[in-house]
């Protein structure tokens, strides 16, 4: 006799893991760093003048 809850657990883990891998494929484009606070302050000061 087999333990079907154990197989069900592994099936759920496999489906969720595959879903996570496939959803990560939707991230496209280059990675970027947000502008530094100094650059933002300089841009703000230029606009106020």
PDB file of N, CA and C in Angstrom:
ATOM      1  N   UNK A   1       0.841  -1.177   0.000  1.00  0.00           N
ATOM      2  CA  UNK A   1       0.000   0.000   0.000  1.00  0.00           C
ATOM      3  C   UNK A   1       0.895   1.253   0.000  1.00  0.00           C
ATOM      4  N   UNK A   2       0.541   2.221  -0.839  1.00  0.00           N
ATOM      5  CA  UNK A   2       1.358   3.431  -0.939  1.00  0.00           C
ATOM      6  C   UNK A   2       0.754   4.546  -0.111  1.00  0.00           C
ATOM      7  N   UNK A   3       1.584   5.479   0.214  1.00  0.00           N
ATOM      8  CA  UNK A   3       1.156   6.625   1.008  1.00  0.00           C
ATOM      9  C   UNK A   3       0.862   7.778   0.044  1.00  0.00           C
ATOM     10  N   UNK A   4      -0.414   7.931  -0.383  1.00  0.00           N
ATOM     11  CA  UNK A   4      -0.753   8.936  -1.386  1.00  0.00           C
ATOM     12  C   UNK A   4      -0.577  10.360  -0.903  1.00  0.00           C
ATOM     13  N   UNK A   5      -0.734  10.687   0.388  1.00  0.00           N
ATOM     14  CA  UNK A   5      -0.475  12.082   0.779  1.00  0.00           C
ATOM     15  C   UNK A   5       0.974  12.515   0.532  1.00  0.00           C
ATOM     16  N   UNK A   6       1.897  11.575   0.660  1.00  0.00           N
ATOM     17  CA  UNK A   6       3.302  11.906   0.404  1.00  0.00           C
ATOM     18  C   UNK A   6       3.506  12.257  -1.073  1.00  0.00           C
ATOM     19  N   UNK A   7       2.890  11.491  -1.964  1.00  0.00           N
ATOM     20  CA  UNK A   7       2.996  11.786  -3.388  1.00  0.00           C
ATOM     21  C   UNK A   7       2.292  13.094  -3.727  1.00  0.00           C
ATOM     22  N   UNK A   8       1.188  13.342  -3.066  1.00  0.00           N
ATOM     23  CA  UNK A   8       0.471  14.590  -3.278  1.00  0.00           C
ATOM     24  C   UNK A   8       1.325  15.785  -2.840  1.00  0.00           C
ATOM     25  N   UNK A   9       2.021  15.650  -1.720  1.00  0.00           N
ATOM     26  CA  UNK A   9       2.898  16.714  -1.247  1.00  0.00           C
ATOM     27  C   UNK A   9       3.997  16.996  -2.263  1.00  0.00           C
ATOM     28  N   UNK A  10       4.628  15.945  -2.786  1.00  0.00           N
ATOM     29  CA  UNK A  10       5.692  16.133  -3.763  1.00  0.00           C
ATOM     30  C   UNK A  10       5.156  16.735  -5.062  1.00  0.00           C
ATOM     31  N   UNK A  11       3.935  16.358  -5.427  1.00  0.00           N
ATOM     32  CA  UNK A  11       3.335  16.926  -6.625  1.00  0.00           C
ATOM     33  C   UNK A  11       3.074  18.421  -6.440  1.00  0.00           C
ATOM     34  N   UNK A  12       2.565  18.817  -5.288  1.00  0.00           N
ATOM     35  CA  UNK A  12       2.317  20.226  -5.007  1.00  0.00           C
ATOM     36  C   UNK A  12       3.626  21.008  -5.006  1.00  0.00           C
ATOM     37  N   UNK A  13       4.648  20.463  -4.393  1.00  0.00           N
ATOM     38  CA  UNK A  13       5.959  21.127  -4.373  1.00  0.00           C
ATOM     39  C   UNK A  13       6.495  21.299  -5.786  1.00  0.00           C
ATOM     40  N   UNK A  14       6.363  20.255  -6.612  1.00  0.00           N
ATOM     41  CA  UNK A  14       6.866  20.325  -7.987  1.00  0.00           C
ATOM     42  C   UNK A  14       6.092  21.349  -8.806  1.00  0.00           C
ATOM     43  N   UNK A  15       4.772  21.394  -8.651  1.00  0.00           N
ATOM     44  CA  UNK A  15       3.958  22.343  -9.417  1.00  0.00           C
ATOM     45  C   UNK A  15       4.273  23.773  -8.989  1.00  0.00           C
ATOM     46  N   UNK A  16       4.353  24.030  -7.698  1.00  0.00           N
ATOM     47  CA  UNK A  16       4.661  25.380  -7.227  1.00  0.00           C
ATOM     48  C   UNK A  16       6.070  25.806  -7.631  1.00  0.00           C
ATOM     49  N   UNK A  17       7.024  24.886  -7.547  1.00  0.00           N
ATOM     50  CA  UNK A  17       8.399  25.201  -7.954  1.00  0.00           C
ATOM     51  C   UNK A  17       8.480  25.519  -9.433  1.00  0.00           C
ATOM     52  N   UNK A  18       7.777  24.743 -10.256  1.00  0.00           N
ATOM     53  CA  UNK A  18       7.774  25.001 -11.699  1.00  0.00           C
ATOM     54  C   UNK A  18       7.112  26.343 -11.994  1.00  0.00           C
ATOM     55  N   UNK A  19       6.048  26.642 -11.276  1.00  0.00           N
ATOM     56  CA  UNK A  19       5.374  27.925 -11.468  1.00  0.00           C
ATOM     57  C   UNK A  19       6.283  29.093 -11.140  1.00  0.00           C
ATOM     58  N   UNK A  20       7.066  28.944 -10.083  1.00  0.00           N
ATOM     59  CA  UNK A  20       8.005  30.018  -9.716  1.00  0.00           C
ATOM     60  C   UNK A  20       9.079  30.200 -10.781  1.00  0.00           C
ATOM     61  N   UNK A  21       9.563  29.108 -11.324  1.00  0.00           N
ATOM     62  CA  UNK A  21      10.587  29.212 -12.362  1.00  0.00           C
ATOM     63  C   UNK A  21      10.021  29.869 -13.615  1.00  0.00           C
ATOM     64  N   UNK A  22       8.809  29.520 -13.979  1.00  0.00           N
ATOM     65  CA  UNK A  22       8.214  30.096 -15.183  1.00  0.00           C
ATOM     66  C   UNK A  22       7.852  31.559 -14.990  1.00  0.00           C
ATOM     67  N   UNK A  23       7.433  31.937 -13.812  1.00  0.00           N
ATOM     68  CA  UNK A  23       7.067  33.333 -13.582  1.00  0.00           C
ATOM     69  C   UNK A  23       8.296  34.228 -13.575  1.00  0.00           C
ATOM     70  N   UNK A  24       9.449  33.688 -13.237  1.00  0.00           N
ATOM     71  CA  UNK A  24      10.678  34.480 -13.231  1.00  0.00           C
ATOM     72  C   UNK A  24      11.114  34.821 -14.649  1.00  0.00           C
ATOM     73  N   UNK A  25      10.625  34.094 -15.636  1.00  0.00           N
ATOM     74  CA  UNK A  25      10.993  34.363 -17.026  1.00  0.00           C
ATOM     75  C   UNK A  25      10.361  35.656 -17.530  1.00  0.00           C
ATOM     76  N   UNK A  26       9.371  36.181 -16.855  1.00  0.00           N
ATOM     77  CA  UNK A  26       8.713  37.403 -17.291  1.00  0.00           C
ATOM     78  C   UNK A  26       9.507  38.652 -16.992  1.00  0.00           C
ATOM     79  N   UNK A  27      10.545  38.563 -16.178  1.00  0.00           N
ATOM     80  CA  UNK A  27      11.360  39.723 -15.851  1.00  0.00           C
ATOM     81  C   UNK A  27      12.310  39.988 -17.012  1.00  0.00           C
ATOM     82  N   UNK A  28      12.104  41.107 -17.689  1.00  0.00           N
ATOM     83  CA  UNK A  28      12.955  41.429 -18.835  1.00  0.00           C
ATOM     84  C   UNK A  28      13.528  42.817 -18.659  1.00  0.00           C
ATOM     85  N   UNK A  29      14.573  43.083 -19.392  1.00  0.00           N
ATOM     86  CA  UNK A  29      15.192  44.400 -19.359  1.00  0.00           C
ATOM     87  C   UNK A  29      16.392  44.412 -18.437  1.00  0.00           C
ATOM     88  N   UNK A  30      17.204  45.431 -18.561  1.00  0.00           N
ATOM     89  CA  UNK A  30      18.416  45.519 -17.755  1.00  0.00           C
ATOM     90  C   UNK A  30      18.097  45.890 -16.306  1.00  0.00           C
ATOM     91  N   UNK A  31      18.960  45.471 -15.438  1.00  0.00           N
ATOM     92  CA  UNK A  31      18.861  45.887 -14.054  1.00  0.00           C
ATOM     93  C   UNK A  31      19.384  47.312 -13.937  1.00  0.00           C
ATOM     94  N   UNK A  32      18.831  48.080 -13.041  1.00  0.00           N
ATOM     95  CA  UNK A  32      19.271  49.458 -12.896  1.00  0.00           C
ATOM     96  C   UNK A  32      19.321  49.818 -11.423  1.00  0.00           C
ATOM     97  N   UNK A  33      20.146  50.791 -11.131  1.00  0.00           N
ATOM     98  CA  UNK A  33      20.252  51.315  -9.777  1.00  0.00           C
ATOM     99  C   UNK A  33      19.458  52.609  -9.708  1.00  0.00           C
ATOM    100  N   UNK A  34      18.733  52.835  -8.648  1.00  0.00           N
ATOM    101  CA  UNK A  34      18.018  54.108  -8.530  1.00  0.00           C
ATOM    102  C   UNK A  34      19.019  55.256  -8.426  1.00  0.00           C
ATOM    103  N   UNK A  35      18.649  56.436  -8.857  1.00  0.00           N
ATOM    104  CA  UNK A  35      19.589  57.568  -8.784  1.00  0.00           C
ATOM    105  C   UNK A  35      19.936  57.892  -7.341  1.00  0.00           C
ATOM    106  N   UNK A  36      21.154  58.354  -7.152  1.00  0.00           N
ATOM    107  CA  UNK A  36      21.588  58.685  -5.806  1.00  0.00           C
ATOM    108  C   UNK A  36      20.823  59.906  -5.295  1.00  0.00           C
ATOM    109  N   UNK A  37      20.820  60.101  -3.997  1.00  0.00           N
ATOM    110  CA  UNK A  37      20.105  61.227  -3.401  1.00  0.00           C
ATOM    111  C   UNK A  37      20.707  62.558  -3.842  1.00  0.00           C
ATOM    112  N   UNK A  38      22.025  62.587  -4.038  1.00  0.00           N
ATOM    113  CA  UNK A  38      22.681  63.820  -4.470  1.00  0.00           C
ATOM    114  C   UNK A  38      22.195  64.222  -5.863  1.00  0.00           C
ATOM    115  N   UNK A  39      22.074  63.251  -6.747  1.00  0.00           N
ATOM    116  CA  UNK A  39      21.630  63.554  -8.107  1.00  0.00           C
ATOM    117  C   UNK A  39      20.184  64.033  -8.090  1.00  0.00           C
ATOM    118  N   UNK A  40      19.363  63.449  -7.244  1.00  0.00           N
ATOM    119  CA  UNK A  40      17.968  63.868  -7.145  1.00  0.00           C
ATOM    120  C   UNK A  40      17.885  65.279  -6.588  1.00  0.00           C
ATOM    121  N   UNK A  41      18.706  65.594  -5.576  1.00  0.00           N
ATOM    122  CA  UNK A  41      18.712  66.940  -4.995  1.00  0.00           C
ATOM    123  C   UNK A  41      19.153  67.978  -6.026  1.00  0.00           C
ATOM    124  N   UNK A  42      20.156  67.653  -6.821  1.00  0.00           N
ATOM    125  CA  UNK A  42      20.631  68.586  -7.837  1.00  0.00           C
ATOM    126  C   UNK A  42      19.557  68.831  -8.880  1.00  0.00           C
ATOM    127  N   UNK A  43      18.831  67.797  -9.256  1.00  0.00           N
ATOM    128  CA  UNK A  43      17.762  67.954 -10.246  1.00  0.00           C
ATOM    129  C   UNK A  43      16.648  68.807  -9.667  1.00  0.00           C
ATOM    130  N   UNK A  44      16.301  68.601  -8.406  1.00  0.00           N
ATOM    131  CA  UNK A  44      15.245  69.384  -7.778  1.00  0.00           C
ATOM    132  C   UNK A  44      15.626  70.855  -7.672  1.00  0.00           C
ATOM    133  N   UNK A  45      16.887  71.125  -7.312  1.00  0.00           N
ATOM    134  CA  UNK A  45      17.341  72.513  -7.170  1.00  0.00           C
ATOM    135  C   UNK A  45      17.319  73.224  -8.528  1.00  0.00           C
ATOM    136  N   UNK A  46      17.638  72.514  -9.582  1.00  0.00           N
ATOM    137  CA  UNK A  46      17.618  73.116 -10.898  1.00  0.00           C
ATOM    138  C   UNK A  46      16.216  73.458 -11.356  1.00  0.00           C
ATOM    139  N   UNK A  47      15.239  72.691 -10.962  1.00  0.00           N
ATOM    140  CA  UNK A  47      13.858  72.937 -11.380  1.00  0.00           C
ATOM    141  C   UNK A  47      13.236  74.098 -10.607  1.00  0.00           C
ATOM    142  N   UNK A  48      13.683  74.351  -9.396  1.00  0.00           N
ATOM    143  CA  UNK A  48      13.096  75.412  -8.569  1.00  0.00           C
ATOM    144  C   UNK A  48      13.520  76.797  -9.024  1.00  0.00           C
ATOM    145  N   UNK A  49      14.647  76.878  -9.708  1.00  0.00           N
ATOM    146  CA  UNK A  49      15.177  78.180 -10.124  1.00  0.00           C
ATOM    147  C   UNK A  49      14.450  78.742 -11.287  1.00  0.00           C
TER     148      UNK A  49
END
